[in-house]
């Protein structure tokens, strides 16, 4: 079992990883003409496909007003289109241009993804299982914290 100092060191390393991830995404965002968070929100659209503005607000945690600005920025870069919802005219469907988004961001991620795959392949199956377990449990903790903060 780890002692308290080892746990604190792991937490600090995790924080450093998170901060470095933010820096990397900000750098990539600047290169593609967006900020770091905007470019990460493109990932939501790649994963989810078409969503309403309200659904995007829930996914991102942004206010509906902030989502409107986000969609405007994406639309100005021709990364999304707004389409009226045929079933409910009050709603707007955000349709991502997946091909254009991928073409824009892939050059900045290809090497990193390959290097990450190579790093993962350097671990044993048992070590990969530990990493997978950690990520699942860490995500669960973060999602619970998000819910708790949003309830306040």
N, C-alpha and C. Protein backbone atom coordinates (compact mmCIF):
# COMPACT_ATOMS: atom_id res chain seq x y z
N UNK A 1 0.84 -1.19 0.00
CA UNK A 1 0.00 0.00 0.00
C UNK A 1 0.88 1.25 0.00
N UNK A 2 0.44 2.28 -0.73
CA UNK A 2 1.18 3.52 -0.78
C UNK A 2 1.06 4.28 0.53
N UNK A 3 2.10 5.04 0.83
CA UNK A 3 1.98 5.93 1.98
C UNK A 3 1.43 7.27 1.48
N UNK A 4 1.10 8.13 2.41
CA UNK A 4 0.46 9.42 2.08
C UNK A 4 1.31 10.26 1.12
N UNK A 5 2.61 10.28 1.32
CA UNK A 5 3.49 11.07 0.46
C UNK A 5 3.48 10.55 -0.98
N UNK A 6 3.46 9.24 -1.15
CA UNK A 6 3.41 8.66 -2.50
C UNK A 6 2.09 9.00 -3.19
N UNK A 7 1.01 8.99 -2.45
CA UNK A 7 -0.29 9.34 -3.01
C UNK A 7 -0.32 10.81 -3.43
N UNK A 8 0.24 11.67 -2.59
CA UNK A 8 0.32 13.10 -2.93
C UNK A 8 1.15 13.30 -4.19
N UNK A 9 2.26 12.57 -4.31
CA UNK A 9 3.10 12.68 -5.51
C UNK A 9 2.36 12.22 -6.76
N UNK A 10 1.56 11.15 -6.65
CA UNK A 10 0.75 10.70 -7.78
C UNK A 10 -0.30 11.74 -8.16
N UNK A 11 -0.92 12.35 -7.16
CA UNK A 11 -1.92 13.38 -7.44
C UNK A 11 -1.26 14.57 -8.14
N UNK A 12 -0.08 14.96 -7.69
CA UNK A 12 0.64 16.07 -8.34
C UNK A 12 1.00 15.72 -9.78
N UNK A 13 1.42 14.48 -10.00
CA UNK A 13 1.74 14.04 -11.35
C UNK A 13 0.49 14.07 -12.23
N UNK A 14 -0.63 13.64 -11.69
CA UNK A 14 -1.90 13.68 -12.42
C UNK A 14 -2.27 15.12 -12.77
N UNK A 15 -2.09 16.04 -11.82
CA UNK A 15 -2.38 17.45 -12.08
C UNK A 15 -1.46 17.99 -13.17
N UNK A 16 -0.19 17.62 -13.11
CA UNK A 16 0.76 18.07 -14.13
C UNK A 16 0.35 17.55 -15.50
N UNK A 17 -0.12 16.30 -15.56
CA UNK A 17 -0.60 15.73 -16.81
C UNK A 17 -1.79 16.55 -17.33
N UNK A 18 -2.72 16.87 -16.45
CA UNK A 18 -3.90 17.64 -16.85
C UNK A 18 -3.50 19.03 -17.35
N UNK A 19 -2.58 19.69 -16.65
CA UNK A 19 -2.14 21.03 -17.06
C UNK A 19 -1.43 20.97 -18.41
N UNK A 20 -0.59 19.96 -18.59
CA UNK A 20 0.13 19.82 -19.85
C UNK A 20 -0.83 19.53 -21.00
N UNK A 21 -1.87 18.76 -20.72
CA UNK A 21 -2.90 18.49 -21.72
C UNK A 21 -3.58 19.79 -22.14
N UNK A 22 -3.89 20.63 -21.16
CA UNK A 22 -4.51 21.93 -21.46
C UNK A 22 -3.58 22.75 -22.35
N UNK A 23 -2.29 22.78 -22.01
CA UNK A 23 -1.33 23.55 -22.81
C UNK A 23 -1.25 23.01 -24.24
N UNK A 24 -1.23 21.69 -24.38
CA UNK A 24 -1.16 21.10 -25.72
C UNK A 24 -2.39 21.48 -26.53
N UNK A 25 -3.57 21.38 -25.91
CA UNK A 25 -4.80 21.69 -26.64
C UNK A 25 -4.90 23.18 -26.97
N UNK A 26 -4.41 24.03 -26.10
CA UNK A 26 -4.37 25.47 -26.41
C UNK A 26 -3.46 25.72 -27.61
N UNK A 27 -2.30 25.06 -27.64
CA UNK A 27 -1.35 25.22 -28.76
C UNK A 27 -1.99 24.78 -30.07
N UNK A 28 -2.63 23.62 -30.04
CA UNK A 28 -3.29 23.12 -31.25
C UNK A 28 -4.44 24.05 -31.64
N UNK A 29 -5.22 24.46 -30.66
CA UNK A 29 -6.33 25.37 -30.94
C UNK A 29 -5.87 26.64 -31.64
N UNK A 30 -4.78 27.23 -31.14
CA UNK A 30 -4.25 28.45 -31.77
C UNK A 30 -3.85 28.20 -33.22
N UNK A 31 -3.22 27.04 -33.47
CA UNK A 31 -2.77 26.73 -34.83
C UNK A 31 -3.93 26.58 -35.81
N UNK A 32 -5.08 26.16 -35.32
CA UNK A 32 -6.24 25.98 -36.21
C UNK A 32 -7.22 27.15 -36.12
N UNK A 33 -6.83 28.20 -35.40
CA UNK A 33 -7.65 29.40 -35.34
C UNK A 33 -8.76 29.37 -34.31
N UNK A 34 -8.63 28.49 -33.31
CA UNK A 34 -9.61 28.41 -32.23
C UNK A 34 -8.87 28.47 -30.89
N UNK A 35 -9.61 28.57 -29.81
CA UNK A 35 -8.96 28.41 -28.52
C UNK A 35 -8.99 26.93 -28.14
N UNK A 36 -8.31 26.59 -27.08
CA UNK A 36 -8.17 25.19 -26.70
C UNK A 36 -9.48 24.50 -26.39
N UNK A 37 -10.36 25.20 -25.67
CA UNK A 37 -11.63 24.55 -25.33
C UNK A 37 -12.53 24.42 -26.55
N UNK A 38 -12.57 25.43 -27.41
CA UNK A 38 -13.39 25.33 -28.61
C UNK A 38 -12.95 24.13 -29.45
N UNK A 39 -11.67 23.97 -29.61
CA UNK A 39 -11.22 22.87 -30.46
C UNK A 39 -11.52 21.52 -29.80
N UNK A 40 -11.52 21.46 -28.48
CA UNK A 40 -11.88 20.20 -27.80
C UNK A 40 -13.38 19.92 -27.97
N UNK A 41 -14.20 20.97 -28.03
CA UNK A 41 -15.64 20.77 -28.24
C UNK A 41 -15.93 20.19 -29.62
N UNK A 42 -15.01 20.39 -30.56
CA UNK A 42 -15.17 19.73 -31.86
C UNK A 42 -15.17 18.21 -31.68
N UNK A 43 -14.41 17.75 -30.70
CA UNK A 43 -14.39 16.31 -30.40
C UNK A 43 -15.76 15.78 -30.00
N UNK A 44 -16.51 16.57 -29.23
CA UNK A 44 -17.87 16.17 -28.87
C UNK A 44 -18.71 15.99 -30.13
N UNK A 45 -18.54 16.92 -31.06
CA UNK A 45 -19.34 16.86 -32.29
C UNK A 45 -18.92 15.68 -33.16
N UNK A 46 -17.63 15.35 -33.18
CA UNK A 46 -17.18 14.18 -33.93
C UNK A 46 -17.79 12.92 -33.32
N UNK A 47 -17.78 12.84 -31.99
CA UNK A 47 -18.31 11.65 -31.32
C UNK A 47 -19.82 11.54 -31.42
N UNK A 48 -20.51 12.65 -31.23
CA UNK A 48 -21.98 12.61 -31.15
C UNK A 48 -22.68 12.82 -32.49
N UNK A 49 -22.01 13.49 -33.41
CA UNK A 49 -22.68 13.80 -34.68
C UNK A 49 -23.65 14.95 -34.49
N UNK A 50 -24.79 14.88 -35.16
CA UNK A 50 -25.78 15.96 -35.08
C UNK A 50 -26.37 16.05 -33.68
N UNK A 51 -26.42 17.27 -33.16
CA UNK A 51 -27.02 17.53 -31.85
C UNK A 51 -27.77 18.85 -31.92
N UNK A 52 -28.70 19.03 -30.99
CA UNK A 52 -29.33 20.34 -30.87
C UNK A 52 -28.40 21.24 -30.06
N UNK A 53 -28.64 22.53 -30.12
CA UNK A 53 -27.85 23.46 -29.33
C UNK A 53 -28.00 23.15 -27.84
N UNK A 54 -29.20 22.79 -27.43
CA UNK A 54 -29.44 22.42 -26.02
C UNK A 54 -28.66 21.19 -25.61
N UNK A 55 -28.61 20.19 -26.49
CA UNK A 55 -27.82 18.99 -26.19
C UNK A 55 -26.34 19.32 -26.09
N UNK A 56 -25.87 20.22 -26.96
CA UNK A 56 -24.46 20.63 -26.91
C UNK A 56 -24.17 21.37 -25.61
N UNK A 57 -25.13 22.16 -25.15
CA UNK A 57 -24.96 22.86 -23.87
C UNK A 57 -24.80 21.85 -22.73
N UNK A 58 -25.61 20.81 -22.73
CA UNK A 58 -25.52 19.79 -21.70
C UNK A 58 -24.19 19.05 -21.79
N UNK A 59 -23.78 18.67 -23.01
CA UNK A 59 -22.52 17.95 -23.21
C UNK A 59 -21.32 18.74 -22.73
N UNK A 60 -21.31 20.03 -23.04
CA UNK A 60 -20.14 20.87 -22.74
C UNK A 60 -20.19 21.50 -21.35
N UNK A 61 -21.39 21.61 -20.80
CA UNK A 61 -21.53 22.32 -19.53
C UNK A 61 -21.61 23.83 -19.71
N UNK A 62 -21.68 24.28 -20.96
CA UNK A 62 -21.77 25.71 -21.25
C UNK A 62 -23.22 26.18 -21.14
N UNK A 63 -23.39 27.48 -20.92
CA UNK A 63 -24.73 28.06 -20.96
C UNK A 63 -25.21 28.07 -22.41
N UNK A 64 -26.51 28.20 -22.60
CA UNK A 64 -27.03 28.24 -23.97
C UNK A 64 -26.49 29.45 -24.73
N UNK A 65 -26.29 30.56 -24.04
CA UNK A 65 -25.71 31.74 -24.68
C UNK A 65 -24.28 31.49 -25.14
N UNK A 66 -23.50 30.81 -24.31
CA UNK A 66 -22.13 30.49 -24.69
C UNK A 66 -22.10 29.51 -25.85
N UNK A 67 -23.06 28.58 -25.86
CA UNK A 67 -23.12 27.61 -26.96
C UNK A 67 -23.44 28.33 -28.27
N UNK A 68 -24.29 29.33 -28.20
CA UNK A 68 -24.61 30.11 -29.41
C UNK A 68 -23.34 30.73 -29.98
N UNK A 69 -22.51 31.31 -29.12
CA UNK A 69 -21.24 31.90 -29.56
C UNK A 69 -20.30 30.84 -30.13
N UNK A 70 -20.26 29.68 -29.48
CA UNK A 70 -19.42 28.58 -29.94
C UNK A 70 -19.85 28.14 -31.34
N UNK A 71 -21.15 27.96 -31.51
CA UNK A 71 -21.67 27.54 -32.81
C UNK A 71 -21.38 28.61 -33.87
N UNK A 72 -21.52 29.88 -33.50
CA UNK A 72 -21.19 30.97 -34.43
C UNK A 72 -19.73 30.86 -34.89
N UNK A 73 -18.82 30.62 -33.94
CA UNK A 73 -17.40 30.52 -34.29
C UNK A 73 -17.15 29.32 -35.20
N UNK A 74 -17.79 28.21 -34.91
CA UNK A 74 -17.64 27.02 -35.75
C UNK A 74 -18.24 27.24 -37.13
N UNK A 75 -19.39 27.89 -37.16
CA UNK A 75 -20.06 28.14 -38.43
C UNK A 75 -19.24 29.09 -39.30
N UNK A 76 -18.62 30.09 -38.68
CA UNK A 76 -17.77 31.03 -39.43
C UNK A 76 -16.60 30.32 -40.10
N UNK A 77 -16.15 29.22 -39.50
CA UNK A 77 -15.05 28.44 -40.07
C UNK A 77 -15.56 27.28 -40.93
N UNK A 78 -16.89 27.25 -41.15
CA UNK A 78 -17.54 26.22 -41.96
C UNK A 78 -17.32 24.81 -41.40
N UNK A 79 -17.25 24.71 -40.06
CA UNK A 79 -17.08 23.43 -39.39
C UNK A 79 -18.42 22.80 -39.02
N UNK A 80 -19.46 23.62 -38.97
CA UNK A 80 -20.82 23.15 -38.68
C UNK A 80 -21.81 23.95 -39.51
N UNK A 81 -23.00 23.39 -39.63
CA UNK A 81 -24.14 24.09 -40.22
C UNK A 81 -25.29 24.01 -39.25
N UNK A 82 -26.08 25.06 -39.22
CA UNK A 82 -27.33 25.03 -38.45
C UNK A 82 -28.44 24.61 -39.39
N UNK A 83 -29.26 23.66 -38.93
CA UNK A 83 -30.42 23.24 -39.72
C UNK A 83 -31.63 23.24 -38.80
N UNK A 84 -32.76 23.70 -39.31
CA UNK A 84 -33.98 23.64 -38.48
C UNK A 84 -34.38 22.19 -38.24
N UNK A 85 -34.90 21.94 -37.05
CA UNK A 85 -35.42 20.61 -36.71
C UNK A 85 -36.80 20.49 -37.36
N UNK A 86 -36.95 19.49 -38.22
CA UNK A 86 -38.23 19.34 -38.94
C UNK A 86 -39.37 18.98 -38.00
N UNK A 87 -39.04 18.31 -36.89
CA UNK A 87 -40.08 17.89 -35.94
C UNK A 87 -40.47 19.00 -34.98
N UNK A 88 -39.55 19.92 -34.72
CA UNK A 88 -39.81 21.00 -33.76
C UNK A 88 -39.09 22.26 -34.26
N UNK A 89 -39.83 23.15 -34.88
CA UNK A 89 -39.24 24.33 -35.52
C UNK A 89 -38.53 25.25 -34.54
N UNK A 90 -38.78 25.09 -33.24
CA UNK A 90 -38.09 25.93 -32.25
C UNK A 90 -36.64 25.51 -32.08
N UNK A 91 -36.33 24.28 -32.46
CA UNK A 91 -34.98 23.74 -32.26
C UNK A 91 -34.14 23.86 -33.52
N UNK A 92 -32.85 24.00 -33.27
CA UNK A 92 -31.87 24.04 -34.35
C UNK A 92 -30.95 22.83 -34.17
N UNK A 93 -30.71 22.13 -35.26
CA UNK A 93 -29.80 20.99 -35.24
C UNK A 93 -28.42 21.49 -35.70
N UNK A 94 -27.41 21.15 -34.93
CA UNK A 94 -26.04 21.49 -35.28
C UNK A 94 -25.47 20.29 -36.03
N UNK A 95 -25.11 20.49 -37.29
CA UNK A 95 -24.60 19.41 -38.12
C UNK A 95 -23.11 19.63 -38.35
N UNK A 96 -22.28 18.80 -37.73
CA UNK A 96 -20.84 18.98 -37.91
C UNK A 96 -20.38 18.51 -39.29
N UNK A 97 -19.42 19.24 -39.84
CA UNK A 97 -18.77 18.82 -41.08
C UNK A 97 -17.57 17.97 -40.65
N UNK A 98 -17.85 16.69 -40.38
CA UNK A 98 -16.86 15.78 -39.81
C UNK A 98 -15.59 15.73 -40.66
N UNK A 99 -15.77 15.65 -41.96
CA UNK A 99 -14.62 15.55 -42.86
C UNK A 99 -13.72 16.78 -42.72
N UNK A 100 -14.33 17.96 -42.70
CA UNK A 100 -13.54 19.20 -42.59
C UNK A 100 -12.88 19.31 -41.21
N UNK A 101 -13.60 18.91 -40.17
CA UNK A 101 -13.04 18.96 -38.82
C UNK A 101 -11.83 18.03 -38.73
N UNK A 102 -11.99 16.81 -39.22
CA UNK A 102 -10.87 15.85 -39.17
C UNK A 102 -9.68 16.34 -39.99
N UNK A 103 -9.96 16.90 -41.16
CA UNK A 103 -8.89 17.42 -42.01
C UNK A 103 -8.13 18.54 -41.30
N UNK A 104 -8.86 19.32 -40.53
CA UNK A 104 -8.26 20.45 -39.81
C UNK A 104 -7.39 19.98 -38.64
N UNK A 105 -7.87 19.02 -37.87
CA UNK A 105 -7.15 18.67 -36.63
C UNK A 105 -6.22 17.47 -36.74
N UNK A 106 -6.46 16.58 -37.70
CA UNK A 106 -5.64 15.36 -37.79
C UNK A 106 -4.15 15.63 -37.90
N UNK A 107 -3.71 16.60 -38.69
CA UNK A 107 -2.26 16.83 -38.77
C UNK A 107 -1.60 17.12 -37.42
N UNK A 108 -2.37 17.66 -36.49
CA UNK A 108 -1.81 18.01 -35.19
C UNK A 108 -1.88 16.86 -34.18
N UNK A 109 -2.66 15.84 -34.50
CA UNK A 109 -2.84 14.73 -33.56
C UNK A 109 -2.22 13.42 -34.02
N UNK A 110 -1.95 13.30 -35.30
CA UNK A 110 -1.51 12.02 -35.84
C UNK A 110 -0.27 11.49 -35.11
N UNK A 111 0.78 12.28 -35.01
CA UNK A 111 2.00 11.84 -34.33
C UNK A 111 1.74 11.55 -32.86
N UNK A 112 0.98 12.43 -32.21
CA UNK A 112 0.69 12.23 -30.79
C UNK A 112 -0.08 10.93 -30.58
N UNK A 113 -1.08 10.68 -31.41
CA UNK A 113 -1.85 9.44 -31.28
C UNK A 113 -0.97 8.21 -31.53
N UNK A 114 -0.12 8.29 -32.55
CA UNK A 114 0.79 7.17 -32.82
C UNK A 114 1.74 6.95 -31.64
N UNK A 115 2.28 8.02 -31.10
CA UNK A 115 3.19 7.91 -29.97
C UNK A 115 2.48 7.37 -28.72
N UNK A 116 1.24 7.79 -28.54
CA UNK A 116 0.47 7.29 -27.41
C UNK A 116 0.18 5.80 -27.58
N UNK A 117 -0.17 5.39 -28.79
CA UNK A 117 -0.39 3.97 -29.06
C UNK A 117 0.89 3.17 -28.78
N UNK A 118 2.01 3.72 -29.20
CA UNK A 118 3.30 3.06 -28.96
C UNK A 118 3.58 2.97 -27.46
N UNK A 119 3.28 4.03 -26.74
CA UNK A 119 3.48 4.02 -25.29
C UNK A 119 2.61 2.95 -24.65
N UNK A 120 1.33 2.91 -25.00
CA UNK A 120 0.44 1.89 -24.44
C UNK A 120 0.93 0.48 -24.77
N UNK A 121 1.44 0.30 -25.97
CA UNK A 121 1.89 -1.04 -26.35
C UNK A 121 3.15 -1.47 -25.60
N UNK A 122 3.79 -0.53 -24.92
CA UNK A 122 4.98 -0.88 -24.13
C UNK A 122 4.62 -1.48 -22.76
N UNK A 123 3.34 -1.43 -22.41
CA UNK A 123 2.87 -1.97 -21.13
C UNK A 123 2.39 -3.41 -21.31
N UNK A 124 2.49 -4.16 -20.24
CA UNK A 124 1.95 -5.52 -20.25
C UNK A 124 0.42 -5.46 -20.21
N UNK A 125 -0.23 -6.57 -20.51
CA UNK A 125 -1.69 -6.62 -20.44
C UNK A 125 -2.18 -6.30 -19.04
N UNK A 126 -1.46 -6.78 -18.03
CA UNK A 126 -1.85 -6.51 -16.64
C UNK A 126 -1.74 -5.01 -16.34
N UNK A 127 -0.66 -4.39 -16.80
CA UNK A 127 -0.49 -2.95 -16.59
C UNK A 127 -1.56 -2.15 -17.32
N UNK A 128 -1.89 -2.58 -18.54
CA UNK A 128 -2.96 -1.90 -19.29
C UNK A 128 -4.30 -2.03 -18.57
N UNK A 129 -4.55 -3.17 -17.96
CA UNK A 129 -5.78 -3.35 -17.19
C UNK A 129 -5.83 -2.39 -16.01
N UNK A 130 -4.69 -2.19 -15.37
CA UNK A 130 -4.63 -1.24 -14.25
C UNK A 130 -4.90 0.17 -14.75
N UNK A 131 -4.28 0.55 -15.87
CA UNK A 131 -4.51 1.88 -16.44
C UNK A 131 -5.99 2.06 -16.81
N UNK A 132 -6.55 1.06 -17.45
CA UNK A 132 -7.96 1.14 -17.84
C UNK A 132 -8.85 1.29 -16.61
N UNK A 133 -8.57 0.52 -15.59
CA UNK A 133 -9.35 0.60 -14.36
C UNK A 133 -9.22 2.00 -13.74
N UNK A 134 -8.00 2.52 -13.72
CA UNK A 134 -7.79 3.87 -13.17
C UNK A 134 -8.62 4.90 -13.94
N UNK A 135 -8.53 4.86 -15.28
CA UNK A 135 -9.26 5.85 -16.08
C UNK A 135 -10.76 5.76 -15.86
N UNK A 136 -11.31 4.54 -15.82
CA UNK A 136 -12.75 4.39 -15.58
C UNK A 136 -13.14 4.96 -14.22
N UNK A 137 -12.37 4.64 -13.20
CA UNK A 137 -12.69 5.12 -11.85
C UNK A 137 -12.48 6.62 -11.72
N UNK A 138 -11.44 7.14 -12.37
CA UNK A 138 -11.18 8.59 -12.32
C UNK A 138 -12.30 9.35 -13.04
N UNK A 139 -12.75 8.82 -14.17
CA UNK A 139 -13.86 9.45 -14.89
C UNK A 139 -15.13 9.46 -14.05
N UNK A 140 -15.38 8.36 -13.36
CA UNK A 140 -16.55 8.27 -12.49
C UNK A 140 -16.47 9.32 -11.39
N UNK A 141 -15.29 9.47 -10.78
CA UNK A 141 -15.11 10.50 -9.74
C UNK A 141 -15.36 11.89 -10.30
N UNK A 142 -14.79 12.18 -11.48
CA UNK A 142 -14.95 13.50 -12.08
C UNK A 142 -16.40 13.77 -12.44
N UNK A 143 -17.08 12.78 -13.01
CA UNK A 143 -18.49 12.98 -13.37
C UNK A 143 -19.35 13.23 -12.14
N UNK A 144 -19.07 12.52 -11.06
CA UNK A 144 -19.81 12.76 -9.80
C UNK A 144 -19.54 14.17 -9.29
N UNK A 145 -18.29 14.61 -9.40
CA UNK A 145 -17.95 15.96 -8.94
C UNK A 145 -18.64 17.01 -9.79
N UNK A 146 -18.68 16.79 -11.10
CA UNK A 146 -19.38 17.72 -11.99
C UNK A 146 -20.84 17.82 -11.59
N UNK A 147 -21.49 16.69 -11.35
CA UNK A 147 -22.89 16.69 -10.92
C UNK A 147 -23.06 17.44 -9.60
N UNK A 148 -22.17 17.19 -8.67
CA UNK A 148 -22.25 17.84 -7.36
C UNK A 148 -22.10 19.36 -7.49
N UNK A 149 -21.13 19.79 -8.26
CA UNK A 149 -20.91 21.23 -8.45
C UNK A 149 -22.10 21.87 -9.15
N UNK A 150 -22.65 21.18 -10.15
CA UNK A 150 -23.78 21.74 -10.91
C UNK A 150 -25.06 21.81 -10.07
N UNK A 151 -25.15 21.00 -9.02
CA UNK A 151 -26.33 21.06 -8.13
C UNK A 151 -26.30 22.25 -7.20
N UNK A 152 -25.12 22.80 -6.95
CA UNK A 152 -24.99 23.92 -5.99
C UNK A 152 -25.48 25.21 -6.57
